[in-house]
N, C-alpha and C. Protein backbone atom coordinates (compact mmCIF):
# COMPACT_ATOMS: atom_id res chain seq x y z
N MET A 1 11.36 -46.76 25.28
CA MET A 1 11.42 -45.88 24.15
C MET A 1 12.88 -45.53 23.85
N SER A 2 13.23 -45.47 22.60
CA SER A 2 14.60 -45.24 22.18
C SER A 2 14.89 -43.75 22.07
N ASP A 3 16.16 -43.37 22.33
CA ASP A 3 16.57 -41.98 22.22
C ASP A 3 17.20 -41.63 20.88
N ASP A 4 17.31 -42.55 19.97
CA ASP A 4 17.92 -42.25 18.67
C ASP A 4 16.82 -42.06 17.62
N TRP A 5 16.29 -40.82 17.57
CA TRP A 5 15.21 -40.48 16.65
C TRP A 5 15.78 -40.25 15.26
N ASP A 6 14.98 -40.52 14.27
CA ASP A 6 15.38 -40.26 12.89
C ASP A 6 15.05 -38.80 12.57
N THR A 7 16.10 -37.99 12.34
CA THR A 7 15.87 -36.57 12.07
C THR A 7 16.15 -36.20 10.62
N GLY A 8 16.27 -37.16 9.75
CA GLY A 8 16.50 -36.86 8.35
C GLY A 8 17.69 -37.62 7.81
N ASP A 9 17.94 -37.44 6.54
CA ASP A 9 19.00 -38.17 5.87
C ASP A 9 20.37 -37.53 6.04
N SER A 10 20.41 -36.24 6.31
CA SER A 10 21.72 -35.57 6.39
C SER A 10 21.80 -34.74 7.66
N ASP A 11 23.02 -34.31 7.97
CA ASP A 11 23.21 -33.45 9.14
C ASP A 11 22.55 -32.09 8.95
N ALA A 12 22.31 -31.69 7.70
CA ALA A 12 21.67 -30.40 7.44
C ALA A 12 20.24 -30.39 7.97
N ASP A 13 19.60 -31.56 8.04
CA ASP A 13 18.23 -31.64 8.53
C ASP A 13 18.15 -31.92 10.03
N ASP A 14 19.26 -32.16 10.66
CA ASP A 14 19.27 -32.48 12.09
C ASP A 14 19.27 -31.18 12.88
N ILE A 15 18.11 -30.78 13.37
CA ILE A 15 17.99 -29.50 14.07
C ILE A 15 18.62 -29.56 15.45
N THR A 16 18.91 -30.76 15.97
CA THR A 16 19.54 -30.85 17.29
C THR A 16 21.02 -30.51 17.24
N LEU A 17 21.63 -30.50 16.06
CA LEU A 17 23.05 -30.18 15.93
C LEU A 17 23.30 -28.68 15.82
N LYS A 18 22.24 -27.89 15.66
CA LYS A 18 22.41 -26.45 15.46
C LYS A 18 21.87 -25.69 16.67
N PRO A 19 22.70 -24.87 17.32
CA PRO A 19 22.24 -24.16 18.50
C PRO A 19 21.38 -22.93 18.18
N ARG A 20 21.18 -22.58 16.92
CA ARG A 20 20.40 -21.39 16.55
C ARG A 20 18.99 -21.80 16.12
N ALA A 21 18.16 -20.81 15.87
CA ALA A 21 16.79 -21.05 15.44
C ALA A 21 16.78 -21.73 14.07
N VAL A 22 15.77 -22.54 13.86
CA VAL A 22 15.65 -23.27 12.60
C VAL A 22 15.23 -22.31 11.49
N SER A 23 15.89 -22.42 10.35
CA SER A 23 15.57 -21.54 9.23
C SER A 23 14.32 -22.05 8.52
N PRO A 24 13.61 -21.16 7.81
CA PRO A 24 12.45 -21.61 7.02
C PRO A 24 12.81 -22.66 5.98
N ALA A 25 14.02 -22.56 5.39
CA ALA A 25 14.43 -23.55 4.39
C ALA A 25 14.57 -24.93 5.02
N THR A 26 15.13 -25.01 6.24
CA THR A 26 15.25 -26.30 6.92
C THR A 26 13.89 -26.87 7.26
N LEU A 27 12.97 -26.03 7.72
CA LEU A 27 11.62 -26.51 8.02
C LEU A 27 10.93 -27.03 6.77
N ARG A 28 11.14 -26.35 5.62
CA ARG A 28 10.53 -26.83 4.38
C ARG A 28 11.10 -28.19 3.98
N ARG A 29 12.42 -28.40 4.20
CA ARG A 29 13.02 -29.71 3.89
C ARG A 29 12.48 -30.80 4.81
N ILE A 30 12.36 -30.50 6.11
CA ILE A 30 11.90 -31.50 7.08
C ILE A 30 10.46 -31.90 6.78
N TYR A 31 9.59 -30.91 6.56
CA TYR A 31 8.18 -31.20 6.34
C TYR A 31 7.83 -31.38 4.87
N LYS A 32 8.85 -31.31 4.00
CA LYS A 32 8.68 -31.54 2.57
C LYS A 32 7.59 -30.66 1.97
N THR A 33 7.63 -29.36 2.31
CA THR A 33 6.70 -28.40 1.73
C THR A 33 7.40 -27.67 0.59
N PRO A 34 6.67 -27.25 -0.42
CA PRO A 34 7.31 -26.57 -1.54
C PRO A 34 7.82 -25.19 -1.14
N ASP A 35 8.87 -24.75 -1.82
CA ASP A 35 9.44 -23.43 -1.60
C ASP A 35 8.55 -22.41 -2.29
N VAL A 36 7.85 -21.59 -1.50
CA VAL A 36 6.91 -20.63 -2.06
C VAL A 36 7.54 -19.25 -2.03
N THR A 37 7.65 -18.62 -3.19
CA THR A 37 8.16 -17.26 -3.26
C THR A 37 7.00 -16.31 -3.48
N PRO A 38 7.08 -15.08 -2.94
CA PRO A 38 5.98 -14.14 -3.14
C PRO A 38 5.78 -13.85 -4.62
N SER A 39 4.55 -13.90 -5.05
CA SER A 39 4.26 -13.66 -6.46
C SER A 39 4.09 -12.17 -6.72
N GLN A 40 4.17 -11.82 -7.97
CA GLN A 40 3.90 -10.44 -8.35
C GLN A 40 2.43 -10.15 -8.08
N GLN A 41 2.14 -8.89 -7.85
CA GLN A 41 0.78 -8.53 -7.50
C GLN A 41 -0.18 -8.85 -8.64
N ASP A 42 -1.30 -9.45 -8.28
CA ASP A 42 -2.33 -9.75 -9.27
C ASP A 42 -3.60 -8.99 -8.90
N ASP A 43 -4.66 -9.24 -9.63
CA ASP A 43 -5.90 -8.50 -9.40
C ASP A 43 -6.50 -8.77 -8.03
N ASN A 44 -6.17 -9.89 -7.41
CA ASN A 44 -6.70 -10.20 -6.09
C ASN A 44 -5.78 -9.71 -4.97
N GLY A 45 -4.72 -8.99 -5.31
CA GLY A 45 -3.75 -8.54 -4.33
C GLY A 45 -4.21 -7.31 -3.57
N TYR A 46 -3.25 -6.67 -2.94
CA TYR A 46 -3.51 -5.50 -2.10
C TYR A 46 -3.75 -4.29 -2.99
N ARG A 47 -5.01 -3.98 -3.24
CA ARG A 47 -5.34 -2.81 -4.07
C ARG A 47 -6.52 -2.09 -3.45
N PRO A 48 -6.28 -1.29 -2.41
CA PRO A 48 -7.40 -0.56 -1.79
C PRO A 48 -8.01 0.42 -2.78
N ALA A 49 -9.32 0.62 -2.67
CA ALA A 49 -10.03 1.48 -3.62
C ALA A 49 -10.93 2.46 -2.88
N PHE A 50 -11.20 3.58 -3.51
CA PHE A 50 -12.20 4.51 -2.99
C PHE A 50 -12.97 5.12 -4.15
N ILE A 51 -14.16 5.63 -3.84
CA ILE A 51 -15.04 6.25 -4.84
C ILE A 51 -14.97 7.75 -4.64
N CYS A 52 -14.84 8.48 -5.72
CA CYS A 52 -14.67 9.92 -5.62
C CYS A 52 -15.56 10.63 -6.63
N ALA A 53 -16.33 11.60 -6.18
CA ALA A 53 -17.15 12.41 -7.08
C ALA A 53 -16.38 13.69 -7.39
N ILE A 54 -15.87 13.80 -8.61
CA ILE A 54 -15.10 14.97 -9.02
C ILE A 54 -15.94 15.79 -9.97
N GLU A 55 -16.16 17.06 -9.63
CA GLU A 55 -17.01 17.90 -10.45
C GLU A 55 -16.34 18.30 -11.75
N SER A 56 -15.05 18.54 -11.72
CA SER A 56 -14.34 18.96 -12.93
C SER A 56 -13.33 17.86 -13.31
N PRO A 57 -13.70 16.95 -14.22
CA PRO A 57 -12.84 15.81 -14.51
C PRO A 57 -11.51 16.17 -15.15
N ASP A 58 -11.39 17.34 -15.76
CA ASP A 58 -10.14 17.72 -16.40
C ASP A 58 -9.22 18.51 -15.49
N ALA A 59 -9.64 18.72 -14.25
CA ALA A 59 -8.79 19.48 -13.32
C ALA A 59 -7.53 18.68 -13.02
N SER A 60 -6.41 19.38 -12.97
CA SER A 60 -5.17 18.67 -12.69
C SER A 60 -4.98 18.43 -11.20
N THR A 61 -5.53 19.30 -10.34
CA THR A 61 -5.41 19.13 -8.90
C THR A 61 -6.76 19.35 -8.25
N VAL A 62 -7.18 18.38 -7.41
CA VAL A 62 -8.47 18.45 -6.74
C VAL A 62 -8.26 18.09 -5.28
N GLU A 63 -8.74 18.95 -4.36
CA GLU A 63 -8.73 18.59 -2.94
C GLU A 63 -9.99 17.80 -2.65
N ILE A 64 -9.85 16.68 -1.93
CA ILE A 64 -11.01 15.84 -1.66
C ILE A 64 -11.23 15.71 -0.16
N VAL A 65 -12.50 15.49 0.21
CA VAL A 65 -12.91 15.28 1.60
C VAL A 65 -13.92 14.14 1.62
N PRO A 66 -14.12 13.48 2.78
CA PRO A 66 -15.09 12.39 2.83
C PRO A 66 -16.50 12.90 2.47
N ALA A 67 -17.26 12.08 1.77
CA ALA A 67 -18.62 12.46 1.39
C ALA A 67 -19.52 12.57 2.61
N THR A 68 -19.28 11.72 3.61
CA THR A 68 -20.04 11.79 4.86
C THR A 68 -19.06 11.75 6.01
N GLY A 69 -19.49 12.26 7.12
CA GLY A 69 -18.65 12.24 8.32
C GLY A 69 -17.77 13.47 8.41
N PRO A 70 -17.04 13.58 9.53
CA PRO A 70 -16.20 14.77 9.74
C PRO A 70 -14.99 14.78 8.82
N ALA A 71 -14.56 15.97 8.48
CA ALA A 71 -13.35 16.12 7.66
C ALA A 71 -12.14 15.73 8.49
N PRO A 72 -11.19 15.01 7.91
CA PRO A 72 -10.00 14.59 8.68
C PRO A 72 -9.05 15.77 8.89
N SER A 73 -8.10 15.58 9.82
CA SER A 73 -7.15 16.65 10.10
C SER A 73 -6.16 16.84 8.97
N ALA A 74 -5.97 15.82 8.15
CA ALA A 74 -5.05 15.92 7.02
C ALA A 74 -5.79 16.47 5.79
N ASN A 75 -5.02 16.98 4.83
CA ASN A 75 -5.57 17.40 3.55
C ASN A 75 -5.23 16.33 2.52
N TYR A 76 -6.16 16.04 1.63
CA TYR A 76 -5.98 15.01 0.61
C TYR A 76 -6.09 15.67 -0.76
N VAL A 77 -5.02 15.59 -1.54
CA VAL A 77 -4.99 16.24 -2.84
C VAL A 77 -4.81 15.18 -3.92
N LEU A 78 -5.73 15.19 -4.87
CA LEU A 78 -5.73 14.24 -5.98
C LEU A 78 -5.23 14.99 -7.21
N THR A 79 -4.15 14.48 -7.82
CA THR A 79 -3.52 15.15 -8.96
C THR A 79 -3.46 14.21 -10.14
N LYS A 80 -3.89 14.70 -11.30
CA LYS A 80 -3.81 13.91 -12.52
C LYS A 80 -2.45 14.14 -13.16
N GLU A 81 -1.74 13.06 -13.44
CA GLU A 81 -0.42 13.13 -14.05
C GLU A 81 -0.47 12.43 -15.40
N THR A 82 0.38 12.84 -16.31
CA THR A 82 0.49 12.16 -17.61
C THR A 82 1.95 11.90 -17.90
N SER A 83 2.18 10.88 -18.70
CA SER A 83 3.55 10.58 -19.11
C SER A 83 4.04 11.67 -20.05
N SER A 84 5.35 11.66 -20.30
CA SER A 84 5.94 12.72 -21.12
C SER A 84 5.36 12.78 -22.54
N ASP A 85 4.91 11.63 -23.06
CA ASP A 85 4.33 11.63 -24.41
C ASP A 85 2.80 11.61 -24.39
N ASP A 86 2.21 11.87 -23.23
CA ASP A 86 0.75 11.92 -23.04
C ASP A 86 0.03 10.63 -23.39
N SER A 87 0.74 9.51 -23.45
CA SER A 87 0.09 8.24 -23.78
C SER A 87 -0.48 7.55 -22.56
N LEU A 88 -0.03 7.94 -21.36
CA LEU A 88 -0.46 7.28 -20.14
C LEU A 88 -0.90 8.32 -19.13
N ALA A 89 -2.12 8.18 -18.60
CA ALA A 89 -2.61 9.08 -17.57
C ALA A 89 -2.82 8.28 -16.29
N PHE A 90 -2.38 8.83 -15.18
CA PHE A 90 -2.57 8.20 -13.89
C PHE A 90 -2.81 9.29 -12.86
N TRP A 91 -3.20 8.88 -11.66
CA TRP A 91 -3.52 9.82 -10.60
C TRP A 91 -2.58 9.61 -9.43
N GLU A 92 -2.33 10.68 -8.70
CA GLU A 92 -1.53 10.59 -7.49
C GLU A 92 -2.29 11.26 -6.36
N LEU A 93 -2.42 10.55 -5.26
CA LEU A 93 -3.09 11.08 -4.07
C LEU A 93 -2.02 11.42 -3.05
N THR A 94 -1.97 12.68 -2.63
CA THR A 94 -0.98 13.14 -1.66
C THR A 94 -1.68 13.47 -0.36
N VAL A 95 -1.14 12.98 0.75
CA VAL A 95 -1.66 13.28 2.08
C VAL A 95 -0.76 14.33 2.70
N LEU A 96 -1.35 15.47 3.08
CA LEU A 96 -0.60 16.57 3.68
C LEU A 96 -1.09 16.82 5.10
N VAL A 97 -0.16 17.01 6.02
CA VAL A 97 -0.48 17.42 7.39
C VAL A 97 0.32 18.68 7.67
N ASN A 98 -0.37 19.74 8.06
CA ASN A 98 0.27 21.04 8.27
C ASN A 98 1.04 21.49 7.03
N SER A 99 0.45 21.31 5.87
CA SER A 99 1.01 21.69 4.57
C SER A 99 2.27 20.92 4.21
N GLN A 100 2.58 19.85 4.92
CA GLN A 100 3.75 19.01 4.66
C GLN A 100 3.28 17.68 4.10
N ALA A 101 3.75 17.31 2.89
CA ALA A 101 3.38 16.03 2.30
C ALA A 101 3.94 14.90 3.13
N GLN A 102 3.09 13.94 3.49
CA GLN A 102 3.55 12.80 4.29
C GLN A 102 3.72 11.55 3.43
N CYS A 103 2.73 11.25 2.59
CA CYS A 103 2.83 10.06 1.75
C CYS A 103 2.06 10.28 0.46
N THR A 104 2.38 9.48 -0.53
CA THR A 104 1.66 9.55 -1.82
C THR A 104 1.21 8.15 -2.21
N TRP A 105 0.10 8.09 -2.89
CA TRP A 105 -0.47 6.85 -3.43
C TRP A 105 -0.56 7.00 -4.94
N GLY A 106 -0.09 6.03 -5.67
CA GLY A 106 -0.29 5.98 -7.12
C GLY A 106 -1.63 5.31 -7.37
N LEU A 107 -2.49 5.92 -8.19
CA LEU A 107 -3.85 5.42 -8.40
C LEU A 107 -4.13 5.21 -9.88
N THR A 108 -4.96 4.23 -10.16
CA THR A 108 -5.49 4.05 -11.50
C THR A 108 -6.99 4.31 -11.45
N ASP A 109 -7.51 4.85 -12.51
CA ASP A 109 -8.95 5.13 -12.61
C ASP A 109 -9.64 3.87 -13.13
N GLU A 110 -10.40 3.21 -12.26
CA GLU A 110 -11.08 1.95 -12.59
C GLU A 110 -12.58 2.17 -12.74
N THR A 111 -12.98 3.37 -13.15
CA THR A 111 -14.39 3.71 -13.25
C THR A 111 -15.06 2.91 -14.37
N PRO A 112 -16.17 2.21 -14.06
CA PRO A 112 -16.90 1.51 -15.13
C PRO A 112 -17.49 2.52 -16.13
N LYS A 113 -17.66 2.09 -17.36
CA LYS A 113 -18.21 2.96 -18.41
C LYS A 113 -19.58 3.48 -18.00
N GLY A 114 -19.79 4.77 -18.22
CA GLY A 114 -21.08 5.39 -17.97
C GLY A 114 -21.34 5.80 -16.53
N GLU A 115 -20.42 5.54 -15.64
CA GLU A 115 -20.61 5.91 -14.23
C GLU A 115 -20.23 7.37 -14.02
N GLU A 116 -20.97 8.03 -13.14
CA GLU A 116 -20.72 9.44 -12.87
C GLU A 116 -19.60 9.62 -11.84
N THR A 117 -19.60 8.78 -10.80
CA THR A 117 -18.54 8.87 -9.80
C THR A 117 -17.36 8.00 -10.23
N ARG A 118 -16.18 8.43 -9.85
CA ARG A 118 -14.95 7.75 -10.26
C ARG A 118 -14.55 6.72 -9.22
N VAL A 119 -14.00 5.61 -9.65
CA VAL A 119 -13.46 4.58 -8.76
C VAL A 119 -11.96 4.52 -8.98
N PHE A 120 -11.20 4.75 -7.91
CA PHE A 120 -9.74 4.74 -7.98
C PHE A 120 -9.21 3.58 -7.17
N GLN A 121 -8.19 2.91 -7.72
CA GLN A 121 -7.51 1.83 -7.00
C GLN A 121 -6.04 2.15 -6.89
N ALA A 122 -5.46 1.83 -5.73
CA ALA A 122 -4.04 2.10 -5.49
C ALA A 122 -3.18 1.02 -6.11
N TYR A 123 -2.08 1.43 -6.73
CA TYR A 123 -1.11 0.47 -7.25
C TYR A 123 0.28 0.70 -6.65
N SER A 124 0.47 1.79 -5.91
CA SER A 124 1.76 2.03 -5.28
C SER A 124 1.57 2.93 -4.07
N TYR A 125 2.58 2.91 -3.20
CA TYR A 125 2.57 3.74 -1.99
C TYR A 125 3.99 4.17 -1.69
N THR A 126 4.18 5.44 -1.30
CA THR A 126 5.50 5.94 -0.93
C THR A 126 5.37 6.89 0.26
N TRP A 127 6.12 6.64 1.32
CA TRP A 127 6.21 7.58 2.43
C TRP A 127 7.26 8.61 2.06
N VAL A 128 6.93 9.90 2.13
CA VAL A 128 7.85 10.94 1.66
C VAL A 128 8.35 11.88 2.75
N ASP A 129 7.72 11.91 3.92
CA ASP A 129 8.09 12.88 4.95
C ASP A 129 9.17 12.30 5.86
N ASP A 130 10.43 12.57 5.51
CA ASP A 130 11.55 12.05 6.30
C ASP A 130 11.64 12.68 7.69
N THR A 131 11.03 13.85 7.90
CA THR A 131 11.11 14.49 9.22
C THR A 131 10.25 13.78 10.24
N ARG A 132 9.33 12.92 9.80
CA ARG A 132 8.43 12.24 10.74
C ARG A 132 8.78 10.77 10.95
N ILE A 133 9.98 10.38 10.60
CA ILE A 133 10.41 9.00 10.85
C ILE A 133 11.09 8.98 12.21
N PHE A 134 10.34 8.62 13.23
CA PHE A 134 10.89 8.59 14.58
C PHE A 134 11.47 7.21 14.84
N GLY A 135 12.71 7.17 15.30
CA GLY A 135 13.33 5.91 15.63
C GLY A 135 13.56 5.00 14.44
N ARG A 136 13.69 5.57 13.26
CA ARG A 136 13.95 4.80 12.03
C ARG A 136 12.90 3.71 11.83
N GLN A 137 11.64 4.11 11.86
CA GLN A 137 10.50 3.20 11.68
C GLN A 137 10.58 2.48 10.34
N LEU A 138 10.43 1.15 10.33
CA LEU A 138 10.45 0.35 9.10
C LEU A 138 9.06 -0.22 8.83
N TYR A 139 8.71 -0.33 7.57
CA TYR A 139 7.48 -1.00 7.16
C TYR A 139 7.75 -1.81 5.91
N VAL A 140 6.89 -2.78 5.63
CA VAL A 140 6.99 -3.56 4.41
C VAL A 140 5.93 -3.04 3.45
N ASP A 141 6.36 -2.54 2.31
CA ASP A 141 5.44 -2.04 1.29
C ASP A 141 4.75 -3.22 0.62
N PRO A 142 3.43 -3.35 0.75
CA PRO A 142 2.76 -4.52 0.17
C PRO A 142 2.74 -4.52 -1.35
N PHE A 143 2.99 -3.38 -1.98
CA PHE A 143 3.00 -3.32 -3.44
C PHE A 143 4.32 -3.83 -4.01
N THR A 144 5.43 -3.54 -3.33
CA THR A 144 6.74 -3.94 -3.83
C THR A 144 7.38 -5.05 -3.00
N GLU A 145 6.80 -5.33 -1.83
CA GLU A 145 7.30 -6.33 -0.88
C GLU A 145 8.74 -6.03 -0.46
N THR A 146 9.06 -4.74 -0.34
CA THR A 146 10.38 -4.31 0.13
C THR A 146 10.22 -3.55 1.44
N LYS A 147 11.28 -3.54 2.24
CA LYS A 147 11.28 -2.79 3.49
C LYS A 147 11.69 -1.36 3.20
N GLU A 148 10.97 -0.42 3.80
CA GLU A 148 11.22 1.01 3.61
C GLU A 148 11.20 1.69 4.97
N TYR A 149 11.83 2.87 5.06
CA TYR A 149 11.73 3.67 6.26
C TYR A 149 10.50 4.56 6.16
N GLY A 150 9.81 4.72 7.28
CA GLY A 150 8.63 5.56 7.32
C GLY A 150 7.45 4.82 7.91
N TRP A 151 6.26 5.33 7.69
CA TRP A 151 5.03 4.70 8.17
C TRP A 151 4.37 4.02 6.99
N GLY A 152 3.89 2.82 7.20
CA GLY A 152 3.33 2.00 6.14
C GLY A 152 1.99 2.48 5.64
N PRO A 153 1.49 1.86 4.57
CA PRO A 153 0.22 2.29 3.98
C PRO A 153 -0.97 2.12 4.89
N GLU A 154 -0.88 1.23 5.89
CA GLU A 154 -2.02 1.08 6.81
C GLU A 154 -2.18 2.32 7.69
N PHE A 155 -1.13 3.16 7.79
CA PHE A 155 -1.19 4.37 8.62
C PHE A 155 -2.30 5.30 8.14
N TYR A 156 -2.37 5.55 6.83
CA TYR A 156 -3.47 6.34 6.27
C TYR A 156 -4.45 5.50 5.47
N GLY A 157 -4.07 4.30 5.12
CA GLY A 157 -4.92 3.48 4.26
C GLY A 157 -6.31 3.25 4.79
N ARG A 158 -6.42 2.96 6.09
CA ARG A 158 -7.75 2.71 6.67
C ARG A 158 -8.62 3.96 6.63
N ARG A 159 -7.99 5.12 6.73
CA ARG A 159 -8.76 6.37 6.72
C ARG A 159 -9.17 6.76 5.30
N LEU A 160 -8.39 6.34 4.32
CA LEU A 160 -8.62 6.78 2.95
C LEU A 160 -9.55 5.87 2.17
N PHE A 161 -9.28 4.57 2.22
CA PHE A 161 -9.91 3.65 1.29
C PHE A 161 -11.14 2.96 1.89
N GLY A 162 -12.00 2.49 1.00
CA GLY A 162 -13.21 1.83 1.42
C GLY A 162 -14.32 2.80 1.78
N ARG A 163 -14.21 4.02 1.34
CA ARG A 163 -15.27 5.01 1.60
C ARG A 163 -15.43 5.92 0.40
N GLU A 164 -16.40 6.79 0.47
CA GLU A 164 -16.70 7.68 -0.64
C GLU A 164 -16.18 9.08 -0.35
N TRP A 165 -15.59 9.71 -1.36
CA TRP A 165 -15.01 11.04 -1.22
C TRP A 165 -15.65 11.98 -2.24
N LYS A 166 -15.51 13.26 -2.02
CA LYS A 166 -16.02 14.26 -2.97
C LYS A 166 -15.04 15.41 -3.03
N GLN A 167 -15.22 16.24 -4.05
CA GLN A 167 -14.35 17.41 -4.19
C GLN A 167 -14.61 18.38 -3.04
N LYS A 168 -13.56 18.91 -2.48
CA LYS A 168 -13.69 19.85 -1.37
C LYS A 168 -14.37 21.12 -1.86
N PRO A 169 -15.43 21.55 -1.19
CA PRO A 169 -16.12 22.76 -1.67
C PRO A 169 -15.24 23.99 -1.53
N GLN A 170 -15.36 24.89 -2.49
CA GLN A 170 -14.61 26.15 -2.43
C GLN A 170 -15.34 27.09 -1.48
N LEU A 171 -14.63 27.54 -0.46
CA LEU A 171 -15.24 28.45 0.52
C LEU A 171 -14.88 29.87 0.17
N THR A 172 -15.87 30.73 0.14
CA THR A 172 -15.63 32.15 -0.12
C THR A 172 -16.18 32.95 1.05
N PHE A 173 -15.46 33.97 1.43
CA PHE A 173 -15.88 34.79 2.57
C PHE A 173 -16.15 36.20 2.11
């Protein structure tokens, strides 16, 4: 067997000449795979959703709790926001722990016509509590595909989405 293997047409493709790890671009050239760049988010992308029964649809701020199961230790506040010219309405879900906002989710109302319960889908995520970033924790935001400091959307995402929520009952004593 011969020791002079064919490693490509140029020295750029010869991985034996480089003492460092092979870059993804070099691997794509060697295996002749297309250069794939992350696409903008489409309808099949990362868009977690939850169902929420809101008694007062015009309320600007609503505290929500799971429809079934124990109430979580965090507080979840759903706020309706509008653009400055009132042409665009969207929702923001804020997660609070000990009255301190930790993260916010931008939501769109995807409720089908005639449905009583609302269906919300996330289109953005932001970690806002800088006091809880231990050791400069980094995450990749799946909505923007950028690296950010804080805890990623999976930190609260699994607890929030894929279940049914309702307006928190008003307790009077």
